[in-house]
Amino acid sequence: MIVRFLGILGLAWAFGFAVFMLLLPKPLDGFTSDAIVVPTGGAGRIDRGIALLRDHQAKRMLVTGVAPGVRPIDLALEYRTSPALFACCIDLGADAVDTRSNAEETAQWVRVHKYRSVRLVTSDWHVARARMELAAALDKNVVILGDGVQGTPRLGTLINEYNKLILRRIALWIGYGG
């Protein structure tokens, strides 16, 4: 009986992982939002956010999870972007250290600016969990658009992210941390 249960659980996990991999989100084109949110941590995320902002796909952008001491001019130079764009339209959040605190920092920023739609720009394999965390932290009437930046993560990274997604979803279902 226990062996069957573990077998079914293993098959369910494998099927879920396959669905997770098949449904990795692509870059979202043709949609505008009030704001763009970019959690730090993956290649191409900030580049994508800046490109969207330049294309007037949103009014303002938050880069959440920035290391303490990083200044807007530092990122403007690193990403070869006008300091004026950072001055007018890009905010840096230095309070977040993980996906959950990125969501909390973002939710506070969204409330201050009274935004109703947010484009979440993150690695394709990270969108599902980051979006789930953000949805748990935000008011229910805020629309969250997932915008996946294609990456080349290792299999171990993908398995780890899928497991975190499952565990966090269970935690939110039972009312822990949401």
Protein backbone atom coordinates (compact mmCIF):
# COMPACT_ATOMS: atom_id res chain seq x y z
CA MET A 1 0.00 0.00 0.00
CA ILE A 2 2.77 2.46 0.92
CA VAL A 3 4.79 1.50 -2.17
CA ARG A 4 1.77 2.18 -4.40
CA PHE A 5 1.15 5.52 -2.74
CA LEU A 6 4.80 6.53 -3.19
CA GLY A 7 4.69 5.35 -6.80
CA ILE A 8 1.57 7.41 -7.52
CA LEU A 9 3.13 10.39 -5.75
CA GLY A 10 6.27 10.01 -7.87
CA LEU A 11 4.26 9.81 -11.08
CA ALA A 12 2.21 12.86 -10.10
CA TRP A 13 5.42 14.80 -9.37
CA ALA A 14 6.94 13.76 -12.72
CA PHE A 15 3.78 14.67 -14.63
CA GLY A 16 3.60 18.03 -12.84
CA PHE A 17 7.27 18.71 -13.60
CA ALA A 18 6.68 17.95 -17.28
CA VAL A 19 3.72 20.38 -17.35
CA PHE A 20 5.83 22.98 -15.52
CA MET A 21 8.54 22.68 -18.18
CA LEU A 22 6.10 22.76 -21.10
CA LEU A 23 4.35 25.87 -19.79
CA LEU A 24 7.40 28.05 -19.17
CA PRO A 25 6.22 31.55 -20.09
CA LYS A 26 7.67 33.43 -23.03
CA PRO A 27 8.33 37.16 -23.26
CA LEU A 28 4.99 38.93 -23.26
CA ASP A 29 4.63 41.27 -26.21
CA GLY A 30 1.80 43.57 -27.14
CA PHE A 31 0.58 44.30 -23.61
CA THR A 32 1.00 47.46 -21.61
CA SER A 33 0.75 47.73 -17.85
CA ASP A 34 0.94 50.45 -15.24
CA ALA A 35 4.24 49.15 -13.92
CA ILE A 36 7.10 46.73 -14.49
CA VAL A 37 8.69 44.77 -11.65
CA VAL A 38 12.05 43.08 -12.06
CA PRO A 39 13.44 40.90 -9.26
CA THR A 40 17.24 40.78 -9.40
CA GLY A 41 19.05 37.52 -9.78
CA GLY A 42 18.94 36.40 -13.38
CA ALA A 43 20.59 37.41 -16.62
CA GLY A 44 18.50 39.48 -19.00
CA ARG A 45 15.84 40.53 -16.50
CA ILE A 46 16.86 44.16 -16.03
CA ASP A 47 17.73 44.49 -19.73
CA ARG A 48 14.22 43.31 -20.62
CA GLY A 49 12.60 45.67 -18.12
CA ILE A 50 14.54 48.68 -19.42
CA ALA A 51 13.66 47.80 -23.03
CA LEU A 52 9.96 47.59 -22.12
CA LEU A 53 10.12 50.92 -20.30
CA ARG A 54 11.83 52.56 -23.29
CA ASP A 55 9.06 51.13 -25.52
CA HIS A 56 6.46 52.80 -23.26
CA GLN A 57 5.00 49.47 -22.14
CA ALA A 58 4.64 50.89 -18.61
CA LYS A 59 4.94 54.15 -16.68
CA ARG A 60 7.50 53.07 -14.10
CA MET A 61 9.71 50.15 -13.09
CA LEU A 62 10.83 48.70 -9.76
CA VAL A 63 14.01 46.65 -9.55
CA THR A 64 13.52 44.70 -6.34
CA GLY A 65 16.22 42.91 -4.38
CA VAL A 66 19.02 45.32 -5.25
CA ALA A 67 22.11 44.97 -3.07
CA PRO A 68 22.41 47.67 -0.39
CA GLY A 69 24.58 50.54 -1.54
CA VAL A 70 23.82 50.14 -5.26
CA ARG A 71 22.87 53.52 -6.66
CA PRO A 72 20.79 54.29 -9.75
CA ILE A 73 23.87 55.66 -11.51
CA ASP A 74 25.63 52.32 -10.95
CA LEU A 75 22.88 50.45 -12.79
CA ALA A 76 22.58 53.14 -15.46
CA LEU A 77 26.26 52.68 -16.27
CA GLU A 78 26.14 48.90 -16.08
CA TYR A 79 23.12 48.67 -18.38
CA ARG A 80 24.23 51.53 -20.66
CA THR A 81 21.08 53.47 -19.94
CA SER A 82 20.52 57.16 -19.52
CA PRO A 83 20.68 58.26 -15.86
CA ALA A 84 17.65 60.40 -16.71
CA LEU A 85 15.57 57.24 -17.29
CA PHE A 86 16.55 55.99 -13.84
CA ALA A 87 15.80 59.41 -12.32
CA CYS A 88 12.33 59.64 -13.79
CA CYS A 89 11.07 56.13 -14.06
CA ILE A 90 13.10 53.42 -12.26
CA ASP A 91 13.01 52.76 -8.53
CA LEU A 92 15.43 50.50 -6.69
CA GLY A 93 14.25 48.35 -3.80
CA ALA A 94 16.94 47.11 -1.44
CA ASP A 95 14.83 45.41 1.24
CA ALA A 96 14.19 42.07 -0.47
CA VAL A 97 16.47 39.04 -0.19
CA ASP A 98 14.31 36.28 -1.70
CA THR A 99 11.22 35.73 -3.83
CA ARG A 100 8.80 36.15 -0.94
CA SER A 101 10.34 39.42 0.23
CA ASN A 102 10.50 40.60 -3.42
CA ALA A 103 6.72 40.17 -3.47
CA GLU A 104 6.27 42.06 -0.21
CA GLU A 105 8.51 44.91 -1.36
CA THR A 106 6.68 45.04 -4.69
CA ALA A 107 3.24 45.00 -3.08
CA GLN A 108 4.14 47.99 -0.92
CA TRP A 109 5.47 49.87 -3.97
CA VAL A 110 2.34 49.04 -6.02
CA ARG A 111 0.07 50.30 -3.21
CA VAL A 112 2.01 53.56 -2.87
CA HIS A 113 1.69 54.24 -6.61
CA LYS A 114 -1.89 52.86 -6.79
CA TYR A 115 -1.13 50.69 -9.81
CA ARG A 116 -3.75 48.27 -11.12
CA SER A 117 -1.56 46.20 -13.45
CA VAL A 118 1.98 44.92 -13.07
CA ARG A 119 4.25 43.16 -15.56
CA LEU A 120 6.51 40.75 -13.68
CA VAL A 121 9.76 40.33 -15.63
CA THR A 122 11.80 37.40 -14.38
CA SER A 123 13.44 34.20 -15.62
CA ASP A 124 10.98 31.91 -17.40
CA TRP A 125 11.51 29.15 -14.83
CA HIS A 126 10.91 31.61 -11.96
CA VAL A 127 7.70 33.29 -13.21
CA ALA A 128 5.24 30.78 -11.71
CA ARG A 129 6.50 31.02 -8.13
CA ALA A 130 7.25 34.76 -8.27
CA ARG A 131 3.77 35.42 -9.65
CA MET A 132 2.17 33.23 -6.99
CA GLU A 133 4.05 35.09 -4.23
CA LEU A 134 3.15 38.46 -5.70
CA ALA A 135 -0.52 37.51 -6.03
CA ALA A 136 -0.53 36.47 -2.36
CA ALA A 137 0.98 39.82 -1.31
CA LEU A 138 -1.08 42.12 -3.56
CA ASP A 139 -4.69 43.18 -3.48
CA LYS A 140 -6.88 40.85 -5.51
CA ASN A 141 -7.84 43.59 -8.00
CA VAL A 142 -4.27 44.06 -9.30
CA VAL A 143 -3.57 42.25 -12.59
CA ILE A 144 -0.20 40.48 -12.75
CA LEU A 145 1.23 39.72 -16.19
CA GLY A 146 4.08 37.21 -16.26
CA ASP A 147 6.88 38.05 -18.70
CA GLY A 148 9.43 35.25 -18.94
CA VAL A 149 13.04 35.92 -19.82
CA GLN A 150 14.43 32.81 -21.47
CA GLY A 151 17.29 31.23 -19.59
CA THR A 152 19.43 28.12 -19.70
CA PRO A 153 19.25 26.78 -16.16
CA ARG A 154 20.64 23.43 -15.12
CA LEU A 155 18.27 20.55 -14.52
CA GLY A 156 18.97 20.77 -10.79
CA THR A 157 17.88 24.41 -10.76
CA LEU A 158 14.63 23.52 -12.52
CA ILE A 159 13.89 20.65 -10.13
CA ASN A 160 14.67 22.87 -7.14
CA GLU A 161 12.39 25.64 -8.44
CA TYR A 162 9.56 23.18 -9.12
CA ASN A 163 9.86 21.75 -5.60
CA LYS A 164 9.84 25.27 -4.10
CA LEU A 165 6.73 26.05 -6.16
CA ILE A 166 4.93 22.99 -4.83
CA LEU A 167 5.92 23.57 -1.22
CA ARG A 168 5.04 27.25 -1.27
CA ARG A 169 1.70 26.55 -2.95
CA ILE A 170 0.87 24.05 -0.20
CA ALA A 171 1.92 26.60 2.44
CA LEU A 172 -0.34 29.24 0.94
CA TRP A 173 -3.26 26.76 0.68
CA ILE A 174 -3.02 25.98 4.39
CA GLY A 175 -2.75 29.67 5.21
CA TYR A 176 0.93 29.95 6.07
CA GLY A 177 2.57 33.22 5.07
CA GLY A 178 -0.09 34.57 2.77
